[in-house]
Amino acid sequence: MIASDVRLGEGVLIHQPDLVNLYGCEVGSGTRIGPFVEIQSDVRVGANCKISSHSFLCSGVFIEDFVFIGHGVMFINDAYPSAVNPDGTLQSGNDWVCLSTRIRRNASIGSNATILGGISIGEYALIGAGAVVTQDVPDYAIVAGVPAKILGDRRAKQAIRKSAAQTATTSAIS
């Protein structure tokens, strides 16, 4: 279901629109959304992003441009979830604090990662599959594990890859 209050940019591609749940959100131009994705109200997805199948973007998530979200990624927006108040009455929207989460430009989040609320993932950061991210991730950091820990820097990995590609090209020409 795509609710009438959803704002879609030009060229947004929603695979199997009958198998998504979008309401009260904004999706930037050129973004692709896979099946079985839910994007709640007060979420903004930037331009040219990819949101893979079975992912859940809860209220309070802000995704900048060029971000990759793998399959089954879950965002959390409540630090202390509960169905009821201390007096036993059911909680309403006024009984909890929605934590804001920001994913910066060009970040990539691997399949089945869980992103806790109230954090920021830096530009070009890479989150490993299955990671549980509990704190801010710096720009270019590579993190993985439960809880996620910094394992490296994307700039270093890209330099190694570029050097290997140049060596392979030089060898092929020789």
C-alpha atoms as a PDB file:
ATOM      1  CA  MET A   1       0.000   0.000   0.000  1.00  0.00           C
ATOM      2  CA  ILE A   2       1.268   3.445  -0.892  1.00  0.00           C
ATOM      3  CA  ALA A   3      -0.705   6.029   1.090  1.00  0.00           C
ATOM      4  CA  SER A   4      -1.885   9.266  -0.468  1.00  0.00           C
ATOM      5  CA  ASP A   5       0.392  11.322   1.836  1.00  0.00           C
ATOM      6  CA  VAL A   6       3.602   9.791   0.426  1.00  0.00           C
ATOM      7  CA  ARG A   7       5.793  12.182  -1.591  1.00  0.00           C
ATOM      8  CA  LEU A   8       7.707  10.413  -4.371  1.00  0.00           C
ATOM      9  CA  GLY A   9      10.413  12.141  -6.393  1.00  0.00           C
ATOM     10  CA  GLU A  10      10.737  11.794 -10.145  1.00  0.00           C
ATOM     11  CA  GLY A  11      11.709   8.363 -11.394  1.00  0.00           C
ATOM     12  CA  VAL A  12      11.235   6.471  -8.113  1.00  0.00           C
ATOM     13  CA  LEU A  13      11.021   2.751  -8.891  1.00  0.00           C
ATOM     14  CA  ILE A  14       8.985   0.615  -6.513  1.00  0.00           C
ATOM     15  CA  HIS A  15       9.261  -3.065  -7.335  1.00  0.00           C
ATOM     16  CA  GLN A  16       5.890  -4.717  -6.780  1.00  0.00           C
ATOM     17  CA  PRO A  17       4.096  -1.690  -5.279  1.00  0.00           C
ATOM     18  CA  ASP A  18       1.332  -3.931  -3.964  1.00  0.00           C
ATOM     19  CA  LEU A  19       3.929  -5.545  -1.660  1.00  0.00           C
ATOM     20  CA  VAL A  20       5.248  -2.394   0.065  1.00  0.00           C
ATOM     21  CA  ASN A  21       3.870  -0.276   2.885  1.00  0.00           C
ATOM     22  CA  LEU A  22       4.677   3.428   2.563  1.00  0.00           C
ATOM     23  CA  TYR A  23       2.913   6.167   4.498  1.00  0.00           C
ATOM     24  CA  GLY A  24       3.707   9.748   5.497  1.00  0.00           C
ATOM     25  CA  CYS A  25       7.224   9.536   4.074  1.00  0.00           C
ATOM     26  CA  GLU A  26       9.260  11.253   1.375  1.00  0.00           C
ATOM     27  CA  VAL A  27      11.360   9.365  -1.195  1.00  0.00           C
ATOM     28  CA  GLY A  28      13.851  11.231  -3.378  1.00  0.00           C
ATOM     29  CA  SER A  29      14.211  11.047  -7.158  1.00  0.00           C
ATOM     30  CA  GLY A  30      15.691   7.947  -8.715  1.00  0.00           C
ATOM     31  CA  THR A  31      15.446   5.812  -5.582  1.00  0.00           C
ATOM     32  CA  ARG A  32      14.597   2.114  -5.937  1.00  0.00           C
ATOM     33  CA  ILE A  33      12.511   0.266  -3.343  1.00  0.00           C
ATOM     34  CA  GLY A  34      12.235  -3.517  -3.226  1.00  0.00           C
ATOM     35  CA  PRO A  35       9.222  -5.618  -2.229  1.00  0.00           C
ATOM     36  CA  PHE A  36       8.150  -6.118   1.381  1.00  0.00           C
ATOM     37  CA  VAL A  37       9.626  -2.781   2.501  1.00  0.00           C
ATOM     38  CA  GLU A  38       7.895  -0.612   5.085  1.00  0.00           C
ATOM     39  CA  ILE A  39       8.685   3.094   5.326  1.00  0.00           C
ATOM     40  CA  GLN A  40       6.790   4.869   8.101  1.00  0.00           C
ATOM     41  CA  SER A  41       5.735   8.472   8.540  1.00  0.00           C
ATOM     42  CA  ASP A  42       8.357  11.134   9.179  1.00  0.00           C
ATOM     43  CA  VAL A  43      11.030   9.260   7.199  1.00  0.00           C
ATOM     44  CA  ARG A  44      13.001  10.921   4.435  1.00  0.00           C
ATOM     45  CA  VAL A  45      14.926   8.875   1.876  1.00  0.00           C
ATOM     46  CA  GLY A  46      17.253  10.857  -0.377  1.00  0.00           C
ATOM     47  CA  ALA A  47      17.832  10.640  -4.121  1.00  0.00           C
ATOM     48  CA  ASN A  48      19.322   7.665  -5.930  1.00  0.00           C
ATOM     49  CA  CYS A  49      19.178   5.308  -2.962  1.00  0.00           C
ATOM     50  CA  LYS A  50      18.476   1.591  -3.023  1.00  0.00           C
ATOM     51  CA  ILE A  51      16.247   0.123  -0.326  1.00  0.00           C
ATOM     52  CA  SER A  52      16.369  -3.670  -0.654  1.00  0.00           C
ATOM     53  CA  SER A  53      13.529  -6.075   0.118  1.00  0.00           C
ATOM     54  CA  HIS A  54      12.215  -6.774   3.610  1.00  0.00           C
ATOM     55  CA  SER A  55      13.725  -3.632   5.167  1.00  0.00           C
ATOM     56  CA  PHE A  56      11.967  -1.550   7.821  1.00  0.00           C
ATOM     57  CA  LEU A  57      12.487   2.214   8.079  1.00  0.00           C
ATOM     58  CA  CYS A  58      10.674   3.502  11.163  1.00  0.00           C
ATOM     59  CA  SER A  59       9.704   7.062  11.994  1.00  0.00           C
ATOM     60  CA  GLY A  60      12.669   9.308  12.712  1.00  0.00           C
ATOM     61  CA  VAL A  61      15.017   7.882  10.063  1.00  0.00           C
ATOM     62  CA  PHE A  62      16.672  10.341   7.671  1.00  0.00           C
ATOM     63  CA  ILE A  63      18.636   8.848   4.784  1.00  0.00           C
ATOM     64  CA  GLU A  64      20.741  11.155   2.634  1.00  0.00           C
ATOM     65  CA  ASP A  65      21.471  10.653  -1.096  1.00  0.00           C
ATOM     66  CA  PHE A  66      23.199   7.620  -2.688  1.00  0.00           C
ATOM     67  CA  VAL A  67      22.696   5.275   0.283  1.00  0.00           C
ATOM     68  CA  PHE A  68      22.443   1.484  -0.072  1.00  0.00           C
ATOM     69  CA  ILE A  69      20.210  -0.399   2.377  1.00  0.00           C
ATOM     70  CA  GLY A  70      20.594  -4.193   2.120  1.00  0.00           C
ATOM     71  CA  HIS A  71      17.915  -6.851   2.510  1.00  0.00           C
ATOM     72  CA  GLY A  72      16.157  -7.070   5.862  1.00  0.00           C
ATOM     73  CA  VAL A  73      17.759  -4.019   7.488  1.00  0.00           C
ATOM     74  CA  MET A  74      15.906  -2.925  10.633  1.00  0.00           C
ATOM     75  CA  PHE A  75      15.934   0.529  12.184  1.00  0.00           C
ATOM     76  CA  ILE A  76      14.949   1.043  15.827  1.00  0.00           C
ATOM     77  CA  ASN A  77      13.545   4.348  17.125  1.00  0.00           C
ATOM     78  CA  ASP A  78      12.726   3.618  20.774  1.00  0.00           C
ATOM     79  CA  ALA A  79      15.412   3.144  23.442  1.00  0.00           C
ATOM     80  CA  TYR A  80      12.996   1.666  25.989  1.00  0.00           C
ATOM     81  CA  PRO A  81      10.177  -0.117  24.123  1.00  0.00           C
ATOM     82  CA  SER A  82       7.159  -1.211  26.088  1.00  0.00           C
ATOM     83  CA  ALA A  83       3.548  -2.021  25.311  1.00  0.00           C
ATOM     84  CA  VAL A  84       2.264  -0.482  28.543  1.00  0.00           C
ATOM     85  CA  ASN A  85       2.914   2.368  30.953  1.00  0.00           C
ATOM     86  CA  PRO A  86       3.934   1.671  34.579  1.00  0.00           C
ATOM     87  CA  ASP A  87       0.230   1.757  35.557  1.00  0.00           C
ATOM     88  CA  GLY A  88      -0.597  -0.981  33.037  1.00  0.00           C
ATOM     89  CA  THR A  89      -2.397   1.237  30.506  1.00  0.00           C
ATOM     90  CA  LEU A  90      -1.500   0.783  26.859  1.00  0.00           C
ATOM     91  CA  GLN A  91       1.098   3.211  25.593  1.00  0.00           C
ATOM     92  CA  SER A  92       0.153   5.762  22.973  1.00  0.00           C
ATOM     93  CA  GLY A  93       2.262   7.959  20.737  1.00  0.00           C
ATOM     94  CA  ASN A  94       2.629  10.429  23.611  1.00  0.00           C
ATOM     95  CA  ASP A  95       4.203   7.878  25.977  1.00  0.00           C
ATOM     96  CA  TRP A  96       7.596   7.415  24.348  1.00  0.00           C
ATOM     97  CA  VAL A  97      10.376   9.376  22.667  1.00  0.00           C
ATOM     98  CA  CYS A  98      11.051   8.809  18.958  1.00  0.00           C
ATOM     99  CA  LEU A  99      14.817   8.786  18.454  1.00  0.00           C
ATOM    100  CA  SER A 100      16.186  10.289  15.260  1.00  0.00           C
ATOM    101  CA  THR A 101      18.700   8.393  13.125  1.00  0.00           C
ATOM    102  CA  ARG A 102      20.717   9.842  10.228  1.00  0.00           C
ATOM    103  CA  ILE A 103      22.433   7.893   7.472  1.00  0.00           C
ATOM    104  CA  ARG A 104      24.877  10.142   5.591  1.00  0.00           C
ATOM    105  CA  ARG A 105      25.584  10.251   1.850  1.00  0.00           C
ATOM    106  CA  ASN A 106      27.017   7.174   0.136  1.00  0.00           C
ATOM    107  CA  ALA A 107      26.821   4.930   3.208  1.00  0.00           C
ATOM    108  CA  SER A 108      26.114   1.218   2.681  1.00  0.00           C
ATOM    109  CA  ILE A 109      24.312  -0.985   5.188  1.00  0.00           C
ATOM    110  CA  GLY A 110      24.588  -4.765   4.759  1.00  0.00           C
ATOM    111  CA  SER A 111      21.745  -7.249   4.895  1.00  0.00           C
ATOM    112  CA  ASN A 112      20.082  -7.965   8.232  1.00  0.00           C
ATOM    113  CA  ALA A 113      21.894  -5.171  10.071  1.00  0.00           C
ATOM    114  CA  THR A 114      20.067  -3.543  12.967  1.00  0.00           C
ATOM    115  CA  ILE A 115      20.533   0.179  13.507  1.00  0.00           C
ATOM    116  CA  LEU A 116      19.592   1.482  16.955  1.00  0.00           C
ATOM    117  CA  GLY A 117      17.923   4.867  17.262  1.00  0.00           C
ATOM    118  CA  GLY A 118      19.593   8.156  18.002  1.00  0.00           C
ATOM    119  CA  ILE A 119      22.781   7.539  16.055  1.00  0.00           C
ATOM    120  CA  SER A 120      24.463   8.792  12.896  1.00  0.00           C
ATOM    121  CA  ILE A 121      26.221   6.692  10.261  1.00  0.00           C
ATOM    122  CA  GLY A 122      28.878   8.716   8.465  1.00  0.00           C
ATOM    123  CA  GLU A 123      29.487   9.377   4.780  1.00  0.00           C
ATOM    124  CA  TYR A 124      30.823   6.362   2.863  1.00  0.00           C
ATOM    125  CA  ALA A 125      30.604   4.195   5.993  1.00  0.00           C
ATOM    126  CA  LEU A 126      30.156   0.462   5.390  1.00  0.00           C
ATOM    127  CA  ILE A 127      28.078  -1.572   7.832  1.00  0.00           C
ATOM    128  CA  GLY A 128      28.654  -5.330   7.641  1.00  0.00           C
ATOM    129  CA  ALA A 129      25.816  -7.801   7.198  1.00  0.00           C
ATOM    130  CA  GLY A 130      24.186  -8.770  10.476  1.00  0.00           C
ATOM    131  CA  ALA A 131      25.859  -5.978  12.463  1.00  0.00           C
ATOM    132  CA  VAL A 132      24.092  -4.356  15.388  1.00  0.00           C
ATOM    133  CA  VAL A 133      25.034  -0.680  15.344  1.00  0.00           C
ATOM    134  CA  THR A 134      24.747   0.832  18.825  1.00  0.00           C
ATOM    135  CA  GLN A 135      26.766   4.039  18.449  1.00  0.00           C
ATOM    136  CA  ASP A 136      27.742   6.648  15.872  1.00  0.00           C
ATOM    137  CA  VAL A 137      29.846   5.418  12.949  1.00  0.00           C
ATOM    138  CA  PRO A 138      32.478   7.840  11.587  1.00  0.00           C
ATOM    139  CA  ASP A 139      32.821   8.764   7.907  1.00  0.00           C
ATOM    140  CA  TYR A 140      34.488   5.998   5.836  1.00  0.00           C
ATOM    141  CA  ALA A 141      34.495   3.494   8.724  1.00  0.00           C
ATOM    142  CA  ILE A 142      33.963  -0.207   8.074  1.00  0.00           C
ATOM    143  CA  VAL A 143      32.096  -1.776  10.986  1.00  0.00           C
ATOM    144  CA  ALA A 144      30.807  -5.269  11.709  1.00  0.00           C
ATOM    145  CA  GLY A 145      29.811  -7.503  14.596  1.00  0.00           C
ATOM    146  CA  VAL A 146      27.489  -7.503  17.582  1.00  0.00           C
ATOM    147  CA  PRO A 147      27.860  -4.864  18.794  1.00  0.00           C
ATOM    148  CA  ALA A 148      29.445  -3.330  15.703  1.00  0.00           C
ATOM    149  CA  LYS A 149      33.095  -2.341  16.015  1.00  0.00           C
ATOM    150  CA  ILE A 150      35.340  -0.440  13.619  1.00  0.00           C
ATOM    151  CA  LEU A 151      37.391  -2.868  11.525  1.00  0.00           C
ATOM    152  CA  GLY A 152      38.881  -0.533   8.962  1.00  0.00           C
ATOM    153  CA  ASP A 153      38.588   2.483   6.717  1.00  0.00           C
ATOM    154  CA  ARG A 154      37.015   2.421   3.240  1.00  0.00           C
ATOM    155  CA  ARG A 155      39.608   4.832   1.879  1.00  0.00           C
ATOM    156  CA  ALA A 156      42.397   2.347   2.659  1.00  0.00           C
ATOM    157  CA  LYS A 157      40.460  -0.523   1.062  1.00  0.00           C
ATOM    158  CA  GLN A 158      39.720   1.571  -2.039  1.00  0.00           C
ATOM    159  CA  ALA A 159      43.411   2.487  -2.393  1.00  0.00           C
ATOM    160  CA  ILE A 160      44.398  -1.199  -2.218  1.00  0.00           C
ATOM    161  CA  ARG A 161      41.722  -2.131  -4.778  1.00  0.00           C
ATOM    162  CA  LYS A 162      42.783   0.701  -7.113  1.00  0.00           C
ATOM    163  CA  SER A 163      46.448  -0.327  -6.859  1.00  0.00           C
ATOM    164  CA  ALA A 164      45.586  -3.961  -7.626  1.00  0.00           C
ATOM    165  CA  ALA A 165      43.488  -2.907 -10.639  1.00  0.00           C
ATOM    166  CA  GLN A 166      46.343  -0.747 -11.971  1.00  0.00           C
ATOM    167  CA  THR A 167      48.805  -3.638 -11.528  1.00  0.00           C
ATOM    168  CA  ALA A 168      46.453  -5.992 -13.378  1.00  0.00           C
ATOM    169  CA  THR A 169      46.028  -3.487 -16.235  1.00  0.00           C
ATOM    170  CA  THR A 170      49.805  -2.952 -16.505  1.00  0.00           C
ATOM    171  CA  SER A 171      50.403  -6.741 -16.538  1.00  0.00           C
ATOM    172  CA  ALA A 172      47.779  -7.234 -19.257  1.00  0.00           C
ATOM    173  CA  ILE A 173      49.411  -4.570 -21.453  1.00  0.00           C
ATOM    174  CA  SER A 174      52.950  -5.980 -21.019  1.00  0.00           C
END
